Amino acid sequence: MPDTTPDLPALPVTFRPGRTRVVLSVLAVGTFVTISAVGMLLDGLGMGERLSFALTALVLAGVLFLLARPRVTADDAGVTVVNLTTKRRLAWAEILRVNLRQGDPWAFLDLSDGTSLPALGIQPGIARQRAIQDARALRALAEARSGAAPEAPRG
């Protein structure tokens, strides 16, 4: 039977939705340039109105860059999960399981305190196979680094 265990990646390693990040960044720049240009090219607008176009473009671009922010970084000491507006540092022992089930929008980390933390840095949106590989690699790292055997399913 072939070994299906993924090779452990070298630490530190960062998992992020690369294609999604590129698309969102390009959209952010394009949105800013387009809305600002429209505001500057329209006749009959005062300086304040032109400035409001640029400010609106800046806010929209900021939101798109915020959506491109998520990542999961693993190093020797643990994992840092950066989501849209939060950042959380976890020790390896705190992570019981890494889940990315069919239909999940992103990976979830089951934690030792009984909670589940979404890890938006691993999301199957545009690059499904890459997200599955990343989730498997993070799962293998968590199992290897936690020092505990994987839990048996409870029945």
N, C-alpha and C. Protein backbone atom coordinates (compact mmCIF):
# COMPACT_ATOMS: atom_id res chain seq x y z
N MET A 1 0.85 -1.18 0.00
CA MET A 1 0.00 0.00 0.00
C MET A 1 0.89 1.24 0.00
N PRO A 2 0.69 2.18 -0.90
CA PRO A 2 1.54 3.37 -0.96
C PRO A 2 1.32 4.26 0.25
N ASP A 3 2.38 4.95 0.62
CA ASP A 3 2.31 5.89 1.74
C ASP A 3 1.62 7.16 1.28
N THR A 4 0.52 7.53 1.96
CA THR A 4 -0.22 8.74 1.58
C THR A 4 0.08 9.90 2.52
N THR A 5 1.02 9.71 3.44
CA THR A 5 1.39 10.77 4.36
C THR A 5 2.23 11.81 3.61
N PRO A 6 1.83 13.09 3.66
CA PRO A 6 2.61 14.09 2.95
C PRO A 6 3.95 14.33 3.65
N ASP A 7 4.96 14.68 2.85
CA ASP A 7 6.25 15.05 3.43
C ASP A 7 6.06 16.33 4.22
N LEU A 8 6.73 16.42 5.35
CA LEU A 8 6.62 17.63 6.16
C LEU A 8 7.39 18.75 5.49
N PRO A 9 6.75 19.91 5.32
CA PRO A 9 7.47 21.04 4.72
C PRO A 9 8.50 21.61 5.70
N ALA A 10 9.50 22.22 5.16
CA ALA A 10 10.52 22.86 6.00
C ALA A 10 9.90 24.08 6.68
N LEU A 11 10.23 24.26 7.94
CA LEU A 11 9.71 25.40 8.70
C LEU A 11 10.71 26.54 8.65
N PRO A 12 10.27 27.77 8.65
CA PRO A 12 8.88 28.23 8.65
C PRO A 12 8.26 28.12 7.26
N VAL A 13 6.95 27.93 7.26
CA VAL A 13 6.20 27.83 6.02
C VAL A 13 4.92 28.66 6.15
N THR A 14 4.55 29.33 5.06
CA THR A 14 3.34 30.15 5.06
C THR A 14 2.38 29.60 4.02
N PHE A 15 1.14 29.40 4.46
CA PHE A 15 0.07 28.96 3.56
C PHE A 15 -0.84 30.15 3.33
N ARG A 16 -1.09 30.45 2.06
CA ARG A 16 -2.01 31.54 1.71
C ARG A 16 -2.63 31.24 0.36
N PRO A 17 -3.84 31.75 0.14
CA PRO A 17 -4.49 31.51 -1.15
C PRO A 17 -3.87 32.40 -2.22
N GLY A 18 -2.83 31.91 -2.87
CA GLY A 18 -2.03 32.73 -3.80
C GLY A 18 -2.80 33.34 -4.95
N ARG A 19 -3.57 32.52 -5.67
CA ARG A 19 -4.30 33.05 -6.82
C ARG A 19 -5.35 34.06 -6.38
N THR A 20 -6.06 33.74 -5.32
CA THR A 20 -7.08 34.66 -4.80
C THR A 20 -6.44 35.97 -4.40
N ARG A 21 -5.29 35.89 -3.77
CA ARG A 21 -4.56 37.09 -3.33
C ARG A 21 -4.17 37.96 -4.53
N VAL A 22 -3.69 37.33 -5.60
CA VAL A 22 -3.30 38.08 -6.80
C VAL A 22 -4.52 38.74 -7.44
N VAL A 23 -5.61 37.99 -7.57
CA VAL A 23 -6.83 38.54 -8.18
C VAL A 23 -7.34 39.72 -7.36
N LEU A 24 -7.39 39.58 -6.05
CA LEU A 24 -7.88 40.67 -5.20
C LEU A 24 -6.97 41.90 -5.26
N SER A 25 -5.67 41.68 -5.30
CA SER A 25 -4.73 42.80 -5.37
C SER A 25 -4.86 43.56 -6.69
N VAL A 26 -4.99 42.82 -7.78
CA VAL A 26 -5.17 43.46 -9.09
C VAL A 26 -6.49 44.23 -9.12
N LEU A 27 -7.55 43.64 -8.58
CA LEU A 27 -8.84 44.33 -8.51
C LEU A 27 -8.74 45.59 -7.65
N ALA A 28 -8.01 45.54 -6.55
CA ALA A 28 -7.87 46.70 -5.68
C ALA A 28 -7.20 47.86 -6.42
N VAL A 29 -6.10 47.55 -7.10
CA VAL A 29 -5.39 48.60 -7.84
C VAL A 29 -6.27 49.12 -8.98
N GLY A 30 -6.89 48.20 -9.72
CA GLY A 30 -7.76 48.60 -10.82
C GLY A 30 -8.93 49.45 -10.36
N THR A 31 -9.53 49.09 -9.24
CA THR A 31 -10.65 49.85 -8.69
C THR A 31 -10.21 51.25 -8.30
N PHE A 32 -9.07 51.35 -7.63
CA PHE A 32 -8.57 52.66 -7.21
C PHE A 32 -8.29 53.55 -8.41
N VAL A 33 -7.58 53.01 -9.39
CA VAL A 33 -7.22 53.80 -10.58
C VAL A 33 -8.46 54.23 -11.35
N THR A 34 -9.39 53.31 -11.57
CA THR A 34 -10.58 53.60 -12.37
C THR A 34 -11.47 54.65 -11.71
N ILE A 35 -11.80 54.44 -10.44
CA ILE A 35 -12.70 55.39 -9.76
C ILE A 35 -12.04 56.76 -9.61
N SER A 36 -10.76 56.77 -9.30
CA SER A 36 -10.05 58.06 -9.18
C SER A 36 -9.99 58.78 -10.52
N ALA A 37 -9.72 58.03 -11.59
CA ALA A 37 -9.65 58.64 -12.92
C ALA A 37 -11.01 59.20 -13.33
N VAL A 38 -12.07 58.47 -13.06
CA VAL A 38 -13.42 58.96 -13.39
C VAL A 38 -13.70 60.25 -12.63
N GLY A 39 -13.34 60.27 -11.36
CA GLY A 39 -13.55 61.48 -10.55
C GLY A 39 -12.78 62.68 -11.06
N MET A 40 -11.59 62.43 -11.57
CA MET A 40 -10.76 63.54 -12.06
C MET A 40 -11.19 64.00 -13.46
N LEU A 41 -11.73 63.10 -14.25
CA LEU A 41 -12.09 63.43 -15.62
C LEU A 41 -13.49 64.03 -15.79
N LEU A 42 -14.35 63.86 -14.81
CA LEU A 42 -15.71 64.41 -14.92
C LEU A 42 -15.67 65.93 -14.85
N ASP A 43 -16.36 66.57 -15.79
CA ASP A 43 -16.45 68.03 -15.79
C ASP A 43 -17.48 68.49 -14.76
N GLY A 44 -17.28 69.66 -14.26
CA GLY A 44 -18.25 70.27 -13.37
C GLY A 44 -18.15 69.83 -11.91
N LEU A 45 -17.13 69.10 -11.56
CA LEU A 45 -16.97 68.68 -10.17
C LEU A 45 -15.99 69.61 -9.46
N GLY A 46 -16.32 69.91 -8.24
CA GLY A 46 -15.41 70.72 -7.43
C GLY A 46 -14.30 69.85 -6.84
N MET A 47 -13.35 70.53 -6.20
CA MET A 47 -12.21 69.81 -5.62
C MET A 47 -12.67 68.82 -4.55
N GLY A 48 -13.64 69.19 -3.75
CA GLY A 48 -14.16 68.31 -2.71
C GLY A 48 -14.80 67.06 -3.27
N GLU A 49 -15.54 67.22 -4.37
CA GLU A 49 -16.19 66.07 -5.00
C GLU A 49 -15.15 65.14 -5.63
N ARG A 50 -14.13 65.72 -6.22
CA ARG A 50 -13.06 64.90 -6.80
C ARG A 50 -12.32 64.13 -5.69
N LEU A 51 -12.11 64.82 -4.58
CA LEU A 51 -11.46 64.18 -3.44
C LEU A 51 -12.32 63.04 -2.88
N SER A 52 -13.65 63.23 -2.90
CA SER A 52 -14.52 62.16 -2.40
C SER A 52 -14.47 60.93 -3.31
N PHE A 53 -14.29 61.11 -4.61
CA PHE A 53 -14.10 59.98 -5.51
C PHE A 53 -12.83 59.22 -5.13
N ALA A 54 -11.75 59.96 -4.94
CA ALA A 54 -10.48 59.32 -4.59
C ALA A 54 -10.55 58.62 -3.23
N LEU A 55 -11.21 59.24 -2.28
CA LEU A 55 -11.36 58.64 -0.95
C LEU A 55 -12.21 57.37 -1.01
N THR A 56 -13.28 57.40 -1.78
CA THR A 56 -14.12 56.21 -1.97
C THR A 56 -13.32 55.09 -2.63
N ALA A 57 -12.53 55.44 -3.62
CA ALA A 57 -11.68 54.45 -4.29
C ALA A 57 -10.67 53.85 -3.31
N LEU A 58 -10.12 54.68 -2.44
CA LEU A 58 -9.16 54.21 -1.45
C LEU A 58 -9.81 53.24 -0.47
N VAL A 59 -11.02 53.55 -0.02
CA VAL A 59 -11.74 52.66 0.91
C VAL A 59 -12.04 51.32 0.24
N LEU A 60 -12.54 51.34 -0.99
CA LEU A 60 -12.83 50.09 -1.69
C LEU A 60 -11.58 49.25 -1.92
N ALA A 61 -10.49 49.90 -2.30
CA ALA A 61 -9.23 49.19 -2.50
C ALA A 61 -8.74 48.61 -1.16
N GLY A 62 -8.92 49.36 -0.09
CA GLY A 62 -8.53 48.87 1.24
C GLY A 62 -9.29 47.62 1.64
N VAL A 63 -10.57 47.59 1.34
CA VAL A 63 -11.39 46.40 1.64
C VAL A 63 -10.90 45.20 0.83
N LEU A 64 -10.58 45.41 -0.44
CA LEU A 64 -10.08 44.31 -1.27
C LEU A 64 -8.72 43.82 -0.77
N PHE A 65 -7.86 44.72 -0.35
CA PHE A 65 -6.57 44.31 0.22
C PHE A 65 -6.77 43.57 1.54
N LEU A 66 -7.75 43.97 2.32
CA LEU A 66 -8.07 43.28 3.57
C LEU A 66 -8.52 41.84 3.29
N LEU A 67 -9.30 41.65 2.23
CA LEU A 67 -9.73 40.30 1.85
C LEU A 67 -8.55 39.44 1.39
N ALA A 68 -7.47 40.07 0.94
CA ALA A 68 -6.28 39.34 0.49
C ALA A 68 -5.30 39.05 1.62
N ARG A 69 -5.60 39.47 2.84
CA ARG A 69 -4.69 39.38 3.98
C ARG A 69 -4.50 37.99 4.58
N PRO A 70 -5.49 37.09 4.59
CA PRO A 70 -5.37 35.84 5.34
C PRO A 70 -4.16 35.00 4.97
N ARG A 71 -3.59 34.39 6.02
CA ARG A 71 -2.47 33.46 5.86
C ARG A 71 -2.34 32.63 7.13
N VAL A 72 -1.67 31.52 7.00
CA VAL A 72 -1.35 30.66 8.12
C VAL A 72 0.15 30.42 8.06
N THR A 73 0.86 30.80 9.11
CA THR A 73 2.31 30.64 9.15
C THR A 73 2.68 29.66 10.25
N ALA A 74 3.41 28.62 9.88
CA ALA A 74 3.85 27.62 10.84
C ALA A 74 5.36 27.74 11.01
N ASP A 75 5.80 27.71 12.28
CA ASP A 75 7.22 27.72 12.56
C ASP A 75 7.50 26.70 13.67
N ASP A 76 8.71 26.68 14.19
CA ASP A 76 9.07 25.69 15.21
C ASP A 76 8.22 25.79 16.47
N ALA A 77 7.83 26.99 16.85
CA ALA A 77 7.09 27.20 18.10
C ALA A 77 5.59 27.00 17.97
N GLY A 78 5.04 27.13 16.77
CA GLY A 78 3.60 27.00 16.63
C GLY A 78 3.10 27.58 15.32
N VAL A 79 1.85 28.02 15.37
CA VAL A 79 1.15 28.49 14.17
C VAL A 79 0.57 29.87 14.43
N THR A 80 0.70 30.75 13.45
CA THR A 80 0.06 32.06 13.51
C THR A 80 -1.01 32.09 12.43
N VAL A 81 -2.26 32.33 12.85
CA VAL A 81 -3.39 32.39 11.92
C VAL A 81 -3.78 33.86 11.78
N VAL A 82 -3.66 34.39 10.58
CA VAL A 82 -4.05 35.76 10.28
C VAL A 82 -5.30 35.70 9.41
N ASN A 83 -6.43 36.15 9.96
CA ASN A 83 -7.67 36.20 9.21
C ASN A 83 -7.92 37.64 8.80
N LEU A 84 -9.14 37.99 8.43
CA LEU A 84 -9.40 39.33 7.91
C LEU A 84 -8.98 40.44 8.87
N THR A 85 -9.46 40.38 10.10
CA THR A 85 -9.17 41.46 11.05
C THR A 85 -8.51 40.96 12.32
N THR A 86 -8.24 39.66 12.43
CA THR A 86 -7.65 39.12 13.64
C THR A 86 -6.37 38.36 13.34
N LYS A 87 -5.55 38.24 14.38
CA LYS A 87 -4.31 37.48 14.30
C LYS A 87 -4.20 36.69 15.60
N ARG A 88 -3.98 35.38 15.50
CA ARG A 88 -3.91 34.56 16.70
C ARG A 88 -2.71 33.63 16.61
N ARG A 89 -1.96 33.57 17.69
CA ARG A 89 -0.78 32.72 17.78
C ARG A 89 -1.15 31.47 18.60
N LEU A 90 -0.83 30.30 18.07
CA LEU A 90 -1.15 29.03 18.73
C LEU A 90 0.11 28.20 18.89
N ALA A 91 0.25 27.56 20.05
CA ALA A 91 1.31 26.57 20.23
C ALA A 91 0.87 25.29 19.53
N TRP A 92 1.82 24.48 19.12
CA TRP A 92 1.47 23.23 18.43
C TRP A 92 0.56 22.36 19.27
N ALA A 93 0.77 22.33 20.57
CA ALA A 93 -0.03 21.48 21.45
C ALA A 93 -1.50 21.91 21.51
N GLU A 94 -1.80 23.15 21.15
CA GLU A 94 -3.18 23.63 21.17
C GLU A 94 -4.00 23.12 19.99
N ILE A 95 -3.34 22.67 18.94
CA ILE A 95 -4.04 22.24 17.72
C ILE A 95 -4.26 20.73 17.79
N LEU A 96 -5.53 20.33 17.88
CA LEU A 96 -5.86 18.91 17.93
C LEU A 96 -6.04 18.31 16.54
N ARG A 97 -6.63 19.09 15.64
CA ARG A 97 -6.93 18.57 14.30
C ARG A 97 -7.05 19.72 13.32
N VAL A 98 -6.67 19.45 12.07
CA VAL A 98 -6.85 20.39 10.96
C VAL A 98 -7.88 19.77 10.03
N ASN A 99 -8.97 20.48 9.79
CA ASN A 99 -10.06 19.96 8.96
C ASN A 99 -10.28 20.84 7.73
N LEU A 100 -10.43 20.18 6.59
CA LEU A 100 -10.90 20.84 5.37
C LEU A 100 -11.81 19.83 4.69
N ARG A 101 -13.08 19.88 5.03
CA ARG A 101 -14.05 18.93 4.51
C ARG A 101 -14.64 19.42 3.20
N GLN A 102 -15.23 18.51 2.46
CA GLN A 102 -15.91 18.83 1.21
C GLN A 102 -16.93 19.93 1.47
N GLY A 103 -16.86 21.01 0.70
CA GLY A 103 -17.82 22.10 0.83
C GLY A 103 -17.43 23.18 1.82
N ASP A 104 -16.39 22.95 2.63
CA ASP A 104 -15.94 23.99 3.57
C ASP A 104 -15.32 25.14 2.79
N PRO A 105 -15.61 26.39 3.21
CA PRO A 105 -15.02 27.53 2.51
C PRO A 105 -13.55 27.74 2.85
N TRP A 106 -13.08 27.17 3.96
CA TRP A 106 -11.68 27.26 4.38
C TRP A 106 -11.43 26.19 5.41
N ALA A 107 -10.17 26.06 5.81
CA ALA A 107 -9.79 25.05 6.80
C ALA A 107 -10.20 25.52 8.19
N PHE A 108 -10.41 24.56 9.08
CA PHE A 108 -10.72 24.84 10.48
C PHE A 108 -9.71 24.11 11.35
N LEU A 109 -9.29 24.77 12.42
CA LEU A 109 -8.39 24.15 13.39
C LEU A 109 -9.20 23.85 14.64
N ASP A 110 -9.29 22.57 15.01
CA ASP A 110 -9.93 22.18 16.26
C ASP A 110 -8.90 22.36 17.36
N LEU A 111 -9.26 23.14 18.38
CA LEU A 111 -8.30 23.51 19.42
C LEU A 111 -8.56 22.77 20.73
N SER A 112 -7.54 22.72 21.56
CA SER A 112 -7.62 21.99 22.83
C SER A 112 -8.60 22.62 23.82
N ASP A 113 -8.99 23.86 23.62
CA ASP A 113 -9.96 24.49 24.53
C ASP A 113 -11.40 24.20 24.12
N GLY A 114 -11.59 23.34 23.11
CA GLY A 114 -12.92 22.95 22.68
C GLY A 114 -13.51 23.82 21.58
N THR A 115 -12.78 24.81 21.14
CA THR A 115 -13.27 25.70 20.09
C THR A 115 -12.66 25.31 18.75
N SER A 116 -13.18 25.93 17.71
CA SER A 116 -12.67 25.72 16.36
C SER A 116 -12.32 27.09 15.79
N LEU A 117 -11.14 27.19 15.20
CA LEU A 117 -10.67 28.45 14.65
C LEU A 117 -10.62 28.35 13.13
N PRO A 118 -11.34 29.24 12.42
CA PRO A 118 -11.23 29.22 10.96
C PRO A 118 -9.85 29.73 10.54
N ALA A 119 -9.27 29.05 9.56
CA ALA A 119 -7.96 29.44 9.02
C ALA A 119 -8.17 29.83 7.56
N LEU A 120 -8.49 31.09 7.34
CA LEU A 120 -8.83 31.57 6.00
C LEU A 120 -7.66 31.52 5.03
N GLY A 121 -6.45 31.33 5.54
CA GLY A 121 -5.28 31.23 4.67
C GLY A 121 -5.25 29.96 3.84
N ILE A 122 -6.08 28.98 4.21
CA ILE A 122 -6.19 27.74 3.42
C ILE A 122 -7.64 27.65 2.97
N GLN A 123 -7.89 28.08 1.73
CA GLN A 123 -9.25 28.08 1.20
C GLN A 123 -9.25 27.55 -0.22
N PRO A 124 -10.20 26.66 -0.51
CA PRO A 124 -10.21 26.01 -1.81
C PRO A 124 -10.85 26.81 -2.95
N GLY A 125 -11.20 28.05 -2.73
CA GLY A 125 -11.88 28.85 -3.75
C GLY A 125 -11.40 28.67 -5.17
N ILE A 126 -10.30 29.29 -5.57
CA ILE A 126 -9.81 29.23 -6.95
C ILE A 126 -8.88 28.02 -7.14
N ALA A 127 -8.10 27.67 -6.13
CA ALA A 127 -7.09 26.61 -6.25
C ALA A 127 -7.40 25.49 -5.26
N ARG A 128 -8.36 24.67 -5.59
CA ARG A 128 -8.82 23.61 -4.68
C ARG A 128 -7.71 22.62 -4.33
N GLN A 129 -6.99 22.11 -5.33
CA GLN A 129 -5.96 21.11 -5.08
C GLN A 129 -4.85 21.67 -4.18
N ARG A 130 -4.50 22.92 -4.40
CA ARG A 130 -3.48 23.55 -3.57
C ARG A 130 -3.94 23.64 -2.11
N ALA A 131 -5.21 23.99 -1.89
CA ALA A 131 -5.75 24.08 -0.54
C ALA A 131 -5.75 22.72 0.14
N ILE A 132 -6.09 21.68 -0.60
CA ILE A 132 -6.08 20.33 -0.03
C ILE A 132 -4.67 19.93 0.36
N GLN A 133 -3.68 20.23 -0.50
CA GLN A 133 -2.28 19.93 -0.19
C GLN A 133 -1.82 20.71 1.04
N ASP A 134 -2.19 21.99 1.11
CA ASP A 134 -1.80 22.82 2.25
C ASP A 134 -2.42 22.31 3.54
N ALA A 135 -3.69 21.92 3.49
CA ALA A 135 -4.36 21.41 4.69
C ALA A 135 -3.71 20.10 5.15
N ARG A 136 -3.37 19.24 4.21
CA ARG A 136 -2.71 17.98 4.56
C ARG A 136 -1.34 18.24 5.17
N ALA A 137 -0.60 19.19 4.60
CA ALA A 137 0.72 19.51 5.14
C ALA A 137 0.62 20.08 6.54
N LEU A 138 -0.34 21.00 6.77
CA LEU A 138 -0.51 21.57 8.10
C LEU A 138 -0.98 20.50 9.08
N ARG A 139 -1.84 19.59 8.65
CA ARG A 139 -2.30 18.50 9.51
C ARG A 139 -1.11 17.62 9.90
N ALA A 140 -0.26 17.27 8.93
CA ALA A 140 0.91 16.44 9.21
C ALA A 140 1.86 17.14 10.17
N LEU A 141 2.06 18.44 9.97
CA LEU A 141 2.91 19.21 10.88
C LEU A 141 2.33 19.21 12.30
N ALA A 142 1.02 19.44 12.40
CA ALA A 142 0.37 19.49 13.72
C ALA A 142 0.48 18.14 14.42
N GLU A 143 0.28 17.05 13.69
CA GLU A 143 0.39 15.73 14.30
C GLU A 143 1.82 15.43 14.71
N ALA A 144 2.79 15.82 13.90
CA ALA A 144 4.19 15.57 14.21
C ALA A 144 4.69 16.45 15.36
N ARG A 145 4.23 17.68 15.42
CA ARG A 145 4.74 18.64 16.41
C ARG A 145 3.99 18.63 17.73
N SER A 146 2.75 18.15 17.75
CA SER A 146 1.96 18.22 18.99
C SER A 146 2.46 17.21 20.02
N GLY A 147 3.11 16.16 19.56
CA GLY A 147 3.62 15.16 20.50
C GLY A 147 2.54 14.19 20.95
N ALA A 148 1.37 14.32 20.42
CA ALA A 148 0.27 13.41 20.79
C ALA A 148 -0.18 12.66 19.55
N ALA A 149 -0.69 11.47 19.77
CA ALA A 149 -1.24 10.69 18.66
C ALA A 149 -2.56 11.29 18.24
N PRO A 150 -2.94 11.15 16.98
CA PRO A 150 -4.23 11.68 16.54
C PRO A 150 -5.37 11.02 17.32
N GLU A 151 -6.38 11.83 17.65
CA GLU A 151 -7.51 11.33 18.41
C GLU A 151 -8.32 10.34 17.60
N ALA A 152 -8.83 9.31 18.27
CA ALA A 152 -9.76 8.39 17.63
C ALA A 152 -11.14 9.03 17.62
N PRO A 153 -11.93 8.79 16.57
CA PRO A 153 -13.27 9.36 16.54
C PRO A 153 -14.12 8.89 17.72
N ARG A 154 -14.88 9.80 18.28
CA ARG A 154 -15.76 9.45 19.41
C ARG A 154 -17.08 8.93 18.86
N GLY A 155 -17.60 7.93 19.52
CA GLY A 155 -18.85 7.37 19.02
C GLY A 155 -19.98 7.42 19.95
